[in-house]
Amino acid sequence: MTQPITPKNTPHKTPTSKPAASTLHPRNPHQGRYDFDKLTKALPELAKHTITNPSGEATINFSDADAVLTLNKAL
């Protein structure tokens, strides 16, 4: 009779290396950073959600659902 598989006797494989970083499709028009100047011209409402990150680049707070929704509208 075979032993049932339980968490204690389940074989566990430890990854030997980190998975490769995900990359965007080569034809994706949003490679790199978003052009917030252009996006703000397309949808001025985006300006109220645009902030400057510590590197001095324009971005939004991606944990703010309203900011993300507005960015998607601009795109």
C-alpha atoms as a PDB file:
ATOM      1  CA  MET A   1       0.000   0.000   0.000  1.00  0.00           C
ATOM      2  CA  THR A   2       1.352   3.435  -0.932  1.00  0.00           C
ATOM      3  CA  GLN A   3       1.655   6.186   1.586  1.00  0.00           C
ATOM      4  CA  PRO A   4      -0.644   9.215   1.025  1.00  0.00           C
ATOM      5  CA  ILE A   5       1.122  12.405   0.043  1.00  0.00           C
ATOM      6  CA  THR A   6       1.163  14.888   2.881  1.00  0.00           C
ATOM      7  CA  PRO A   7       3.094  18.130   3.372  1.00  0.00           C
ATOM      8  CA  LYS A   8       5.725  16.234   5.407  1.00  0.00           C
ATOM      9  CA  ASN A   9       6.543  13.653   2.718  1.00  0.00           C
ATOM     10  CA  THR A  10       5.932  15.760  -0.396  1.00  0.00           C
ATOM     11  CA  PRO A  11       9.115  16.122  -2.416  1.00  0.00           C
ATOM     12  CA  HIS A  12      10.228  19.742  -2.413  1.00  0.00           C
ATOM     13  CA  LYS A  13      12.414  21.229  -5.099  1.00  0.00           C
ATOM     14  CA  THR A  14      14.464  24.244  -4.124  1.00  0.00           C
ATOM     15  CA  PRO A  15      15.068  26.644  -7.012  1.00  0.00           C
ATOM     16  CA  THR A  16      18.738  26.849  -7.907  1.00  0.00           C
ATOM     17  CA  SER A  17      18.526  30.390  -9.261  1.00  0.00           C
ATOM     18  CA  LYS A  18      16.151  33.317  -9.405  1.00  0.00           C
ATOM     19  CA  PRO A  19      13.736  33.363 -12.347  1.00  0.00           C
ATOM     20  CA  ALA A  20      14.629  35.713 -15.178  1.00  0.00           C
ATOM     21  CA  ALA A  21      13.229  39.221 -14.870  1.00  0.00           C
ATOM     22  CA  SER A  22      10.061  39.646 -16.854  1.00  0.00           C
ATOM     23  CA  THR A  23      10.394  41.662 -20.015  1.00  0.00           C
ATOM     24  CA  LEU A  24       7.800  43.397 -22.093  1.00  0.00           C
ATOM     25  CA  HIS A  25       6.927  42.311 -25.593  1.00  0.00           C
ATOM     26  CA  PRO A  26       9.290  43.968 -28.117  1.00  0.00           C
ATOM     27  CA  ARG A  27       6.402  45.774 -29.863  1.00  0.00           C
ATOM     28  CA  ASN A  28       4.900  47.075 -26.602  1.00  0.00           C
ATOM     29  CA  PRO A  29       4.721  50.879 -27.058  1.00  0.00           C
ATOM     30  CA  HIS A  30       5.380  51.427 -23.347  1.00  0.00           C
ATOM     31  CA  GLN A  31       8.955  50.154 -23.146  1.00  0.00           C
ATOM     32  CA  GLY A  32      10.902  52.016 -20.491  1.00  0.00           C
ATOM     33  CA  ARG A  33       9.290  54.884 -18.607  1.00  0.00           C
ATOM     34  CA  TYR A  34       5.980  56.575 -19.356  1.00  0.00           C
ATOM     35  CA  ASP A  35       6.172  60.034 -20.953  1.00  0.00           C
ATOM     36  CA  PHE A  36       4.178  61.897 -18.306  1.00  0.00           C
ATOM     37  CA  ASP A  37       4.472  65.241 -20.137  1.00  0.00           C
ATOM     38  CA  LYS A  38       2.765  63.760 -23.187  1.00  0.00           C
ATOM     39  CA  LEU A  39       0.233  61.824 -21.090  1.00  0.00           C
ATOM     40  CA  THR A  40      -0.661  64.929 -19.076  1.00  0.00           C
ATOM     41  CA  LYS A  41      -1.252  66.868 -22.294  1.00  0.00           C
ATOM     42  CA  ALA A  42      -3.561  64.080 -23.456  1.00  0.00           C
ATOM     43  CA  LEU A  43      -5.425  64.012 -20.124  1.00  0.00           C
ATOM     44  CA  PRO A  44      -4.799  67.078 -17.916  1.00  0.00           C
ATOM     45  CA  GLU A  45      -6.534  65.300 -14.988  1.00  0.00           C
ATOM     46  CA  LEU A  46      -3.390  63.135 -14.671  1.00  0.00           C
ATOM     47  CA  ALA A  47      -1.385  66.139 -13.411  1.00  0.00           C
ATOM     48  CA  LYS A  48      -3.030  65.993  -9.973  1.00  0.00           C
ATOM     49  CA  HIS A  49      -1.721  62.407  -9.557  1.00  0.00           C
ATOM     50  CA  THR A  50       1.777  62.974 -10.928  1.00  0.00           C
ATOM     51  CA  ILE A  51       4.578  63.004  -8.358  1.00  0.00           C
ATOM     52  CA  THR A  52       8.370  63.112  -8.535  1.00  0.00           C
ATOM     53  CA  ASN A  53      10.274  60.040  -7.367  1.00  0.00           C
ATOM     54  CA  PRO A  54      13.597  60.246  -5.449  1.00  0.00           C
ATOM     55  CA  SER A  55      15.469  60.057  -8.793  1.00  0.00           C
ATOM     56  CA  GLY A  56      13.679  63.208  -9.976  1.00  0.00           C
ATOM     57  CA  GLU A  57      11.506  61.397 -12.532  1.00  0.00           C
ATOM     58  CA  ALA A  58       7.764  61.894 -12.952  1.00  0.00           C
ATOM     59  CA  THR A  59       5.594  58.977 -11.832  1.00  0.00           C
ATOM     60  CA  ILE A  60       2.382  58.216  -9.943  1.00  0.00           C
ATOM     61  CA  ASN A  61       1.668  56.391  -6.709  1.00  0.00           C
ATOM     62  CA  PHE A  62       0.796  52.972  -8.120  1.00  0.00           C
ATOM     63  CA  SER A  63      -0.873  51.960  -4.845  1.00  0.00           C
ATOM     64  CA  ASP A  64      -3.465  54.721  -5.407  1.00  0.00           C
ATOM     65  CA  ALA A  65      -6.253  53.131  -7.420  1.00  0.00           C
ATOM     66  CA  ASP A  66      -7.558  56.484  -8.678  1.00  0.00           C
ATOM     67  CA  ALA A  67      -4.083  57.452  -9.930  1.00  0.00           C
ATOM     68  CA  VAL A  68      -3.707  54.140 -11.770  1.00  0.00           C
ATOM     69  CA  LEU A  69      -7.174  54.467 -13.316  1.00  0.00           C
ATOM     70  CA  THR A  70      -6.347  57.999 -14.481  1.00  0.00           C
ATOM     71  CA  LEU A  71      -3.016  56.828 -15.939  1.00  0.00           C
ATOM     72  CA  ASN A  72      -4.829  54.091 -17.845  1.00  0.00           C
ATOM     73  CA  LYS A  73      -7.296  56.631 -19.219  1.00  0.00           C
ATOM     74  CA  ALA A  74      -4.390  58.763 -20.412  1.00  0.00           C
ATOM     75  CA  LEU A  75      -2.730  55.786 -22.093  1.00  0.00           C
END
